[in-house]
Amino acid sequence: MDGGISWYPSRLDVYLNLWFADYQKACEARQREGEYLLPYKKHFFVCPSGAIRSIGLDPDDPDWERVGWDCARPKDEEAYRRLCERRDKFEAARSR
């Protein structure tokens, strides 16, 4: 596990992401905003669908619902694994 670093490539800096040190506050913001909760080291951020697209994932992928739109503490580990694999494949293709 990379501590969530791979969920935040520097190109996400252009998005207005909400940052939290407290997981529960991040969850509340995600529910309020209807967006995506991702980890970064010991922190959490809530980001819009555009940020999800920029890391090579489809914001409408059914696996998001399966993980609860939360990759910090996903509800479904298999769905989480698939999202990670797709993200990693996209990053590998970008670095070629």
C-alpha atoms as a PDB file:
ATOM      1  CA  MET A   1       0.000   0.000   0.000  1.00  0.00           C
ATOM      2  CA  ASP A   2       1.357   3.406  -0.917  1.00  0.00           C
ATOM      3  CA  GLY A   3      -0.384   5.390   1.814  1.00  0.00           C
ATOM      4  CA  GLY A   4      -2.779   6.773  -0.755  1.00  0.00           C
ATOM      5  CA  ILE A   5      -0.071   8.730  -2.573  1.00  0.00           C
ATOM      6  CA  SER A   6      -1.076   7.264  -5.925  1.00  0.00           C
ATOM      7  CA  TRP A   7      -4.561   8.743  -5.495  1.00  0.00           C
ATOM      8  CA  TYR A   8      -3.116  12.251  -5.710  1.00  0.00           C
ATOM      9  CA  PRO A   9      -0.888  12.902  -8.713  1.00  0.00           C
ATOM     10  CA  SER A  10       0.211  16.536  -8.933  1.00  0.00           C
ATOM     11  CA  ARG A  11      -2.112  17.241 -11.883  1.00  0.00           C
ATOM     12  CA  LEU A  12      -5.015  17.206  -9.398  1.00  0.00           C
ATOM     13  CA  ASP A  13      -3.735  20.540  -8.066  1.00  0.00           C
ATOM     14  CA  VAL A  14      -5.937  22.345 -10.617  1.00  0.00           C
ATOM     15  CA  TYR A  15      -9.107  21.049  -8.946  1.00  0.00           C
ATOM     16  CA  LEU A  16     -10.750  22.552  -5.915  1.00  0.00           C
ATOM     17  CA  ASN A  17     -10.391  19.591  -3.575  1.00  0.00           C
ATOM     18  CA  LEU A  18     -11.570  19.667   0.022  1.00  0.00           C
ATOM     19  CA  TRP A  19      -8.861  18.431   2.407  1.00  0.00           C
ATOM     20  CA  PHE A  20      -9.310  16.835   5.835  1.00  0.00           C
ATOM     21  CA  ALA A  21      -7.171  15.368   8.582  1.00  0.00           C
ATOM     22  CA  ASP A  22     -10.267  13.726  10.079  1.00  0.00           C
ATOM     23  CA  TYR A  23     -11.881  10.839   8.180  1.00  0.00           C
ATOM     24  CA  GLN A  24     -15.376  11.438   9.597  1.00  0.00           C
ATOM     25  CA  LYS A  25     -15.354  15.083   8.498  1.00  0.00           C
ATOM     26  CA  ALA A  26     -14.232  13.971   5.037  1.00  0.00           C
ATOM     27  CA  CYS A  27     -17.149  11.495   4.913  1.00  0.00           C
ATOM     28  CA  GLU A  28     -19.609  14.210   5.877  1.00  0.00           C
ATOM     29  CA  ALA A  29     -18.247  16.494   3.161  1.00  0.00           C
ATOM     30  CA  ARG A  30     -18.399  13.698   0.582  1.00  0.00           C
ATOM     31  CA  GLN A  31     -22.036  13.027   1.437  1.00  0.00           C
ATOM     32  CA  ARG A  32     -22.866  16.720   1.366  1.00  0.00           C
ATOM     33  CA  GLU A  33     -21.004  17.398  -1.893  1.00  0.00           C
ATOM     34  CA  GLY A  34     -21.854  14.078  -3.574  1.00  0.00           C
ATOM     35  CA  GLU A  35     -18.303  13.618  -4.771  1.00  0.00           C
ATOM     36  CA  TYR A  36     -15.398  11.199  -4.262  1.00  0.00           C
ATOM     37  CA  LEU A  37     -13.356  10.612  -1.109  1.00  0.00           C
ATOM     38  CA  LEU A  38      -9.731   9.626  -1.644  1.00  0.00           C
ATOM     39  CA  PRO A  39      -6.762   9.105   0.699  1.00  0.00           C
ATOM     40  CA  TYR A  40      -3.412  10.871   0.687  1.00  0.00           C
ATOM     41  CA  LYS A  41      -0.868   9.783   3.292  1.00  0.00           C
ATOM     42  CA  LYS A  42      -2.662  10.398   6.629  1.00  0.00           C
ATOM     43  CA  HIS A  43      -5.164  12.832   5.105  1.00  0.00           C
ATOM     44  CA  PHE A  44      -8.300  12.638   2.999  1.00  0.00           C
ATOM     45  CA  PHE A  45      -9.627  14.724   0.174  1.00  0.00           C
ATOM     46  CA  VAL A  46     -12.970  15.057  -1.543  1.00  0.00           C
ATOM     47  CA  CYS A  47     -12.748  15.765  -5.242  1.00  0.00           C
ATOM     48  CA  PRO A  48     -15.069  16.335  -8.219  1.00  0.00           C
ATOM     49  CA  SER A  49     -15.670  13.995 -11.139  1.00  0.00           C
ATOM     50  CA  GLY A  50     -13.192  15.932 -13.305  1.00  0.00           C
ATOM     51  CA  ALA A  51     -10.394  14.916 -10.954  1.00  0.00           C
ATOM     52  CA  ILE A  52     -11.514  11.302 -11.238  1.00  0.00           C
ATOM     53  CA  ARG A  53     -11.333  11.545 -15.029  1.00  0.00           C
ATOM     54  CA  SER A  54      -7.843  13.056 -14.809  1.00  0.00           C
ATOM     55  CA  ILE A  55      -6.573   9.941 -13.030  1.00  0.00           C
ATOM     56  CA  GLY A  56      -7.979   7.769 -15.812  1.00  0.00           C
ATOM     57  CA  LEU A  57     -11.170   6.575 -14.163  1.00  0.00           C
ATOM     58  CA  ASP A  58     -14.783   6.873 -15.223  1.00  0.00           C
ATOM     59  CA  PRO A  59     -16.748   8.751 -12.548  1.00  0.00           C
ATOM     60  CA  ASP A  60     -19.840   6.763 -13.580  1.00  0.00           C
ATOM     61  CA  ASP A  61     -18.159   3.369 -13.169  1.00  0.00           C
ATOM     62  CA  PRO A  62     -20.426   1.120 -11.037  1.00  0.00           C
ATOM     63  CA  ASP A  63     -17.421   0.243  -8.871  1.00  0.00           C
ATOM     64  CA  TRP A  64     -17.645   3.723  -7.315  1.00  0.00           C
ATOM     65  CA  GLU A  65     -21.023   2.872  -5.864  1.00  0.00           C
ATOM     66  CA  ARG A  66     -19.667  -0.475  -4.685  1.00  0.00           C
ATOM     67  CA  VAL A  67     -16.836   1.211  -2.758  1.00  0.00           C
ATOM     68  CA  GLY A  68     -19.236   3.868  -1.461  1.00  0.00           C
ATOM     69  CA  TRP A  69     -17.416   6.625  -3.424  1.00  0.00           C
ATOM     70  CA  ASP A  70     -14.721   6.175  -0.762  1.00  0.00           C
ATOM     71  CA  CYS A  71     -11.258   4.814  -1.515  1.00  0.00           C
ATOM     72  CA  ALA A  72      -9.973   5.559   1.979  1.00  0.00           C
ATOM     73  CA  ARG A  73     -12.235   2.905   3.521  1.00  0.00           C
ATOM     74  CA  PRO A  74     -13.925   1.125   0.611  1.00  0.00           C
ATOM     75  CA  LYS A  75     -17.025  -0.986   1.277  1.00  0.00           C
ATOM     76  CA  ASP A  76     -16.076  -3.534  -1.415  1.00  0.00           C
ATOM     77  CA  GLU A  77     -12.419  -4.584  -1.598  1.00  0.00           C
ATOM     78  CA  GLU A  78     -12.755  -6.241  -5.026  1.00  0.00           C
ATOM     79  CA  ALA A  79     -14.291  -3.104  -6.544  1.00  0.00           C
ATOM     80  CA  TYR A  80     -11.521  -1.068  -4.912  1.00  0.00           C
ATOM     81  CA  ARG A  81      -8.882  -3.372  -6.390  1.00  0.00           C
ATOM     82  CA  ARG A  82     -10.399  -2.957  -9.874  1.00  0.00           C
ATOM     83  CA  LEU A  83     -10.358   0.838  -9.545  1.00  0.00           C
ATOM     84  CA  CYS A  84      -6.720   0.717  -8.449  1.00  0.00           C
ATOM     85  CA  GLU A  85      -5.797  -1.533 -11.358  1.00  0.00           C
ATOM     86  CA  ARG A  86      -7.473   0.789 -13.882  1.00  0.00           C
ATOM     87  CA  ARG A  87      -5.829   3.844 -12.293  1.00  0.00           C
ATOM     88  CA  ASP A  88      -2.407   2.165 -12.309  1.00  0.00           C
ATOM     89  CA  LYS A  89      -2.810   1.047 -15.929  1.00  0.00           C
ATOM     90  CA  PHE A  90      -3.680   4.614 -16.937  1.00  0.00           C
ATOM     91  CA  GLU A  91      -0.661   6.011 -15.052  1.00  0.00           C
ATOM     92  CA  ALA A  92       1.650   3.443 -16.649  1.00  0.00           C
ATOM     93  CA  ALA A  93       0.382   4.394 -20.113  1.00  0.00           C
ATOM     94  CA  ARG A  94       0.915   8.113 -19.326  1.00  0.00           C
ATOM     95  CA  SER A  95       4.516   7.545 -18.309  1.00  0.00           C
ATOM     96  CA  ARG A  96       5.513   5.812 -21.561  1.00  0.00           C
END
